[in-house]
Amino acid sequence: MTEDGQRAVEIAERVAREAGQLVMQGWRSGVEVSRKGRFDLLTEYDLASERLIRDQLSREFPTHRIIGEENAESGEGELVWYVDPIDGTTNFAHGHFFFGVSIALYRGSQGLAGVVHAPALGVTWKAAKGMGAFRNGKRCSVSARAQLEEAVCATGFPYDRWKNPDNNHAELALFLQRARGIRRCGAASVDLCLVADGTYDIYWEQGLNAWDMCAGALLVLEAGGQLSTYEGDAADPRTGKLIASNGVLHDVAVRTIREARNKVPSDKP
């Protein structure tokens, strides 16, 4: 863990908390909602939160790039901040507690620092490369559960699920048959953090963006978990389909998803 990495995670945590205070002003307040797509919502607090985060990160790290959900990429250089000002905007707009501010620093596909702050839940997760993962300041780690029938898993569904046949329904149906429980709470960054702190044992989803995954993915790795593509290959948290697990159940998760997607013959774990 370098001094620069320590500074990055400390600043990211401070900025995420400030953004969280801002968005809580709009939570359960009858905030005005617009649409980016049929199911993809946007509020003024998404925009205000991202402005706050960009301003502060640009001031602290003027040589870094910033890629956020709501605005164009800014800056130059190999170090990139991925920012989701409100991950779980639908939840936020409906007064649900499950949303977060997600901020991560990456070099290429390698995570260096990440923070997910869930203000309505009162929980902050953070990690930096080589530092470990922390939940509200206490070190956390993935679970040790080794049987799928004892696992609680989480997932989500793409925004174009109403027209795209690759909509995660088959994967969900098979996990529902074999796992202890499935949760769908609507904020990928928080789902990943719940794998990191041992609450969930497996998480899978597709159709995600870098700002959804990068902070939580680093948390999973620093907590001792495992990431991969749906095919079981090394994952790039910035793109594509992602499986995150406690590591013990990772091969089972990959096989189950392959079976559901008809990529290999049925092989019940």
Protein backbone atom coordinates (compact mmCIF):
# COMPACT_ATOMS: atom_id res chain seq x y z
CA MET A 1 0.00 0.00 0.00
CA THR A 2 1.60 3.24 -1.12
CA GLU A 3 1.29 6.68 0.41
CA ASP A 4 -0.42 7.85 -2.81
CA GLY A 5 -2.94 5.02 -2.55
CA GLN A 6 -3.67 5.84 1.05
CA ARG A 7 -4.28 9.48 0.14
CA ALA A 8 -6.54 8.45 -2.75
CA VAL A 9 -8.81 6.30 -0.61
CA GLU A 10 -8.97 8.89 2.17
CA ILE A 11 -9.98 11.64 -0.25
CA ALA A 12 -12.42 9.37 -2.06
CA GLU A 13 -14.10 8.54 1.25
CA ARG A 14 -14.38 12.19 2.22
CA VAL A 15 -15.81 13.14 -1.17
CA ALA A 16 -18.26 10.22 -1.18
CA ARG A 17 -19.54 11.20 2.26
CA GLU A 18 -20.03 14.81 1.16
CA ALA A 19 -21.89 13.63 -1.93
CA GLY A 20 -23.97 11.37 0.29
CA GLN A 21 -24.98 14.30 2.47
CA LEU A 22 -26.03 16.19 -0.64
CA VAL A 23 -28.19 13.41 -2.09
CA MET A 24 -29.86 12.74 1.25
CA GLN A 25 -31.36 16.23 0.97
CA GLY A 26 -33.43 14.88 -1.92
CA TRP A 27 -34.21 11.41 -0.57
CA ARG A 28 -37.90 10.91 0.24
CA SER A 29 -38.53 14.55 -0.66
CA GLY A 30 -40.64 14.08 -3.79
CA VAL A 31 -37.69 14.74 -6.07
CA GLU A 32 -38.45 15.41 -9.75
CA VAL A 33 -37.55 12.47 -11.99
CA SER A 34 -36.73 12.36 -15.70
CA ARG A 35 -35.99 9.38 -17.94
CA LYS A 36 -32.83 8.36 -19.78
CA GLY A 37 -34.62 5.25 -21.05
CA ARG A 38 -37.76 3.22 -20.45
CA PHE A 39 -36.59 2.17 -16.96
CA ASP A 40 -33.42 4.28 -16.53
CA LEU A 41 -34.14 7.30 -14.32
CA LEU A 42 -32.32 10.57 -13.65
CA THR A 43 -32.75 13.18 -10.92
CA GLU A 44 -31.24 16.58 -10.24
CA TYR A 45 -29.35 14.97 -7.36
CA ASP A 46 -27.51 12.59 -9.71
CA LEU A 47 -26.25 15.65 -11.58
CA ALA A 48 -25.45 17.69 -8.46
CA SER A 49 -23.65 14.78 -6.81
CA GLU A 50 -21.48 14.19 -9.87
CA ARG A 51 -20.62 17.89 -10.12
CA LEU A 52 -19.51 17.88 -6.48
CA ILE A 53 -17.40 14.74 -6.94
CA ARG A 54 -15.80 15.92 -10.18
CA ASP A 55 -14.96 19.34 -8.74
CA GLN A 56 -13.27 17.90 -5.68
CA LEU A 57 -11.40 15.11 -7.46
CA SER A 58 -10.19 17.54 -10.14
CA ARG A 59 -8.91 19.88 -7.46
CA GLU A 60 -7.10 17.12 -5.54
CA PHE A 61 -5.86 15.15 -8.56
CA PRO A 62 -5.51 17.55 -11.50
CA THR A 63 -3.54 15.04 -13.61
CA HIS A 64 -6.18 12.28 -13.37
CA ARG A 65 -9.02 11.50 -15.76
CA ILE A 66 -12.63 11.28 -14.54
CA ILE A 67 -15.32 9.11 -16.11
CA GLY A 68 -18.78 9.44 -14.61
CA GLU A 69 -22.24 8.22 -15.44
CA GLU A 70 -23.85 11.57 -16.12
CA ASN A 71 -21.19 13.69 -17.87
CA ALA A 72 -18.48 13.40 -20.50
CA GLU A 73 -15.01 12.13 -19.69
CA SER A 74 -12.61 14.83 -18.51
CA GLY A 75 -8.87 15.10 -17.95
CA GLU A 76 -5.93 13.11 -19.24
CA GLY A 77 -3.48 10.53 -17.98
CA GLU A 78 -3.41 6.83 -17.18
CA LEU A 79 -5.03 7.12 -13.75
CA VAL A 80 -8.82 7.19 -14.03
CA TRP A 81 -11.58 7.86 -11.50
CA TYR A 82 -14.85 6.03 -12.18
CA VAL A 83 -17.78 7.82 -10.56
CA ASP A 84 -21.39 6.84 -10.02
CA PRO A 85 -23.02 9.76 -8.21
CA ILE A 86 -26.07 7.70 -7.23
CA ASP A 87 -25.88 3.99 -7.96
CA GLY A 88 -29.47 2.87 -7.61
CA THR A 89 -31.27 5.99 -8.83
CA THR A 90 -34.57 4.12 -9.14
CA ASN A 91 -34.32 3.14 -5.48
CA PHE A 92 -33.38 6.70 -4.51
CA ALA A 93 -36.29 8.17 -6.48
CA HIS A 94 -38.75 5.77 -4.83
CA GLY A 95 -37.49 6.29 -1.28
CA HIS A 96 -35.76 2.88 -1.06
CA PHE A 97 -32.72 2.69 1.24
CA PHE A 98 -30.52 0.68 -1.12
CA PHE A 99 -28.40 3.17 -3.12
CA GLY A 100 -24.85 4.46 -2.90
CA VAL A 101 -22.18 6.84 -4.09
CA SER A 102 -19.42 4.86 -5.81
CA ILE A 103 -15.92 6.24 -6.49
CA ALA A 104 -12.93 4.20 -7.71
CA LEU A 105 -9.41 4.92 -8.95
CA TYR A 106 -7.97 2.57 -11.57
CA ARG A 107 -4.87 2.15 -13.69
CA GLY A 108 -6.07 0.17 -16.70
CA SER A 109 -8.02 -2.80 -15.34
CA GLN A 110 -6.27 -2.68 -11.94
CA GLY A 111 -8.10 -1.11 -9.03
CA LEU A 112 -6.08 1.16 -6.76
CA ALA A 113 -8.70 2.67 -4.45
CA GLY A 114 -12.46 2.38 -4.06
CA VAL A 115 -15.22 3.69 -1.83
CA VAL A 116 -18.94 2.94 -1.78
CA HIS A 117 -20.96 5.08 0.61
CA ALA A 118 -24.60 4.11 1.22
CA PRO A 119 -25.93 7.12 3.13
CA ALA A 120 -29.47 5.89 3.81
CA LEU A 121 -28.04 2.64 5.21
CA GLY A 122 -25.34 4.40 7.23
CA VAL A 123 -22.63 2.19 5.77
CA THR A 124 -19.34 3.01 4.05
CA TRP A 125 -17.10 0.42 2.43
CA LYS A 126 -13.57 1.22 1.32
CA ALA A 127 -10.49 -0.52 0.00
CA ALA A 128 -7.15 0.21 -1.57
CA LYS A 129 -4.82 -2.17 -3.32
CA GLY A 130 -2.93 -4.19 -0.71
CA MET A 131 -4.79 -2.56 2.19
CA GLY A 132 -7.73 -4.93 2.64
CA ALA A 133 -11.43 -4.13 2.71
CA PHE A 134 -13.28 -2.24 5.42
CA ARG A 135 -16.91 -1.75 6.41
CA ASN A 136 -17.48 1.30 8.61
CA GLY A 137 -13.80 1.25 9.52
CA LYS A 138 -13.64 -2.44 10.51
CA ARG A 139 -11.85 -4.96 8.34
CA CYS A 140 -14.22 -7.27 6.51
CA SER A 141 -13.85 -10.44 4.48
CA VAL A 142 -15.83 -12.74 2.26
CA SER A 143 -17.81 -15.67 3.63
CA ALA A 144 -16.55 -19.25 3.93
CA ARG A 145 -19.75 -20.96 2.80
CA ALA A 146 -18.98 -23.82 0.43
CA GLN A 147 -22.39 -25.21 -0.59
CA LEU A 148 -24.68 -23.48 -3.08
CA GLU A 149 -27.73 -24.67 -1.14
CA GLU A 150 -26.44 -22.61 1.83
CA ALA A 151 -25.62 -19.52 -0.24
CA VAL A 152 -27.42 -16.19 -0.46
CA CYS A 153 -26.83 -14.71 -3.90
CA ALA A 154 -27.61 -11.40 -5.57
CA THR A 155 -28.19 -10.27 -9.13
CA GLY A 156 -29.78 -7.59 -11.29
CA PHE A 157 -31.35 -7.14 -14.69
CA PRO A 158 -30.42 -5.03 -17.72
CA TYR A 159 -32.42 -1.91 -18.54
CA ASP A 160 -33.30 -3.35 -21.96
CA ARG A 161 -34.75 -6.54 -20.45
CA TRP A 162 -38.16 -5.81 -21.98
CA LYS A 163 -36.77 -6.32 -25.51
CA ASN A 164 -33.48 -8.24 -25.06
CA PRO A 165 -33.81 -12.05 -24.78
CA ASP A 166 -30.46 -12.15 -22.91
CA ASN A 167 -32.22 -10.81 -19.84
CA ASN A 168 -30.92 -12.98 -16.95
CA HIS A 169 -34.22 -14.84 -16.51
CA ALA A 170 -32.73 -18.28 -17.17
CA GLU A 171 -29.82 -17.71 -14.78
CA LEU A 172 -32.18 -16.47 -12.07
CA ALA A 173 -34.48 -19.48 -12.45
CA LEU A 174 -31.64 -21.96 -11.99
CA PHE A 175 -30.13 -20.18 -8.98
CA LEU A 176 -33.61 -19.97 -7.42
CA GLN A 177 -33.79 -23.76 -7.58
CA ARG A 178 -30.37 -24.35 -6.02
CA ALA A 179 -29.44 -21.51 -3.66
CA ARG A 180 -30.74 -20.69 -0.20
CA GLY A 181 -31.87 -17.26 -1.32
CA ILE A 182 -31.67 -14.68 -4.11
CA ARG A 183 -31.75 -10.93 -3.57
CA ARG A 184 -32.33 -8.23 -6.17
CA CYS A 185 -31.86 -4.83 -4.53
CA GLY A 186 -30.94 -2.63 -7.49
CA ALA A 187 -27.47 -1.17 -6.79
CA ALA A 188 -24.55 -3.13 -8.21
CA SER A 189 -21.88 -1.31 -6.22
CA VAL A 190 -23.60 -2.14 -2.93
CA ASP A 191 -24.24 -5.74 -4.03
CA LEU A 192 -20.51 -6.18 -4.63
CA CYS A 193 -19.69 -4.71 -1.25
CA LEU A 194 -22.06 -7.19 0.37
CA VAL A 195 -20.05 -9.99 -1.21
CA ALA A 196 -16.92 -8.36 0.21
CA ASP A 197 -18.30 -8.23 3.74
CA GLY A 198 -19.61 -11.80 3.72
CA THR A 199 -23.34 -11.03 3.47
CA TYR A 200 -23.72 -12.42 -0.04
CA ASP A 201 -21.80 -15.44 -1.29
CA ILE A 202 -22.27 -14.93 -5.04
CA TYR A 203 -23.25 -11.98 -7.20
CA TRP A 204 -23.67 -12.00 -10.97
CA GLU A 205 -24.93 -9.41 -13.44
CA GLN A 206 -24.54 -8.17 -17.00
CA GLY A 207 -25.06 -4.91 -18.85
CA LEU A 208 -23.11 -2.95 -16.26
CA ASN A 209 -20.75 -0.01 -16.73
CA ALA A 210 -17.38 0.77 -15.19
CA TRP A 211 -18.85 3.23 -12.69
CA ASP A 212 -21.23 0.52 -11.44
CA MET A 213 -18.55 -2.09 -10.81
CA CYS A 214 -15.08 -0.68 -10.25
CA ALA A 215 -15.24 0.29 -6.57
CA GLY A 216 -17.15 -2.80 -5.47
CA ALA A 217 -14.98 -5.13 -7.54
CA LEU A 218 -11.85 -3.89 -5.76
CA LEU A 219 -13.61 -4.42 -2.42
CA VAL A 220 -14.31 -8.05 -3.33
CA LEU A 221 -10.69 -8.73 -4.27
CA GLU A 222 -9.28 -7.01 -1.19
CA ALA A 223 -11.71 -8.98 1.01
CA GLY A 224 -10.36 -12.27 -0.37
CA GLY A 225 -13.03 -12.93 -2.99
CA GLN A 226 -12.87 -13.76 -6.67
CA LEU A 227 -14.04 -12.11 -9.89
CA SER A 228 -14.50 -13.53 -13.37
CA THR A 229 -16.43 -13.25 -16.60
CA TYR A 230 -19.41 -15.55 -17.14
CA GLU A 231 -16.99 -17.91 -18.89
CA GLY A 232 -14.71 -18.04 -15.84
CA ASP A 233 -11.94 -15.94 -17.40
CA ALA A 234 -10.18 -13.05 -15.69
CA ALA A 235 -12.59 -10.15 -15.30
CA ASP A 236 -12.09 -6.55 -16.31
CA PRO A 237 -14.42 -4.70 -13.90
CA ARG A 238 -14.82 -1.91 -16.44
CA THR A 239 -16.77 -3.96 -18.96
CA GLY A 240 -19.02 -6.92 -19.64
CA LYS A 241 -20.61 -9.60 -17.54
CA LEU A 242 -19.30 -10.15 -14.02
CA ILE A 243 -19.39 -12.89 -11.41
CA ALA A 244 -18.16 -12.06 -7.91
CA SER A 245 -17.98 -14.63 -5.14
CA ASN A 246 -16.33 -15.72 -1.93
CA GLY A 247 -13.95 -17.80 -4.08
CA VAL A 248 -15.01 -21.13 -2.62
CA LEU A 249 -18.23 -21.11 -4.62
CA HIS A 250 -16.84 -19.49 -7.74
CA ASP A 251 -16.55 -22.59 -9.92
CA VAL A 252 -20.09 -23.61 -8.96
CA ALA A 253 -21.34 -20.14 -9.89
CA VAL A 254 -19.63 -20.30 -13.29
CA ARG A 255 -21.01 -23.79 -14.00
CA THR A 256 -24.52 -22.78 -12.98
CA ILE A 257 -24.51 -19.73 -15.22
CA ARG A 258 -23.06 -21.73 -18.12
CA GLU A 259 -25.76 -24.36 -17.69
CA ALA A 260 -28.51 -21.77 -17.58
CA ARG A 261 -27.17 -20.12 -20.73
CA ASN A 262 -26.91 -23.51 -22.48
CA LYS A 263 -23.14 -23.21 -22.99
CA VAL A 264 -22.33 -26.61 -21.46
CA PRO A 265 -24.36 -29.76 -20.85
CA SER A 266 -26.36 -29.83 -17.64
CA ASP A 267 -24.10 -30.62 -14.69
CA LYS A 268 -25.89 -30.01 -11.42
CA PRO A 269 -23.36 -28.81 -8.80
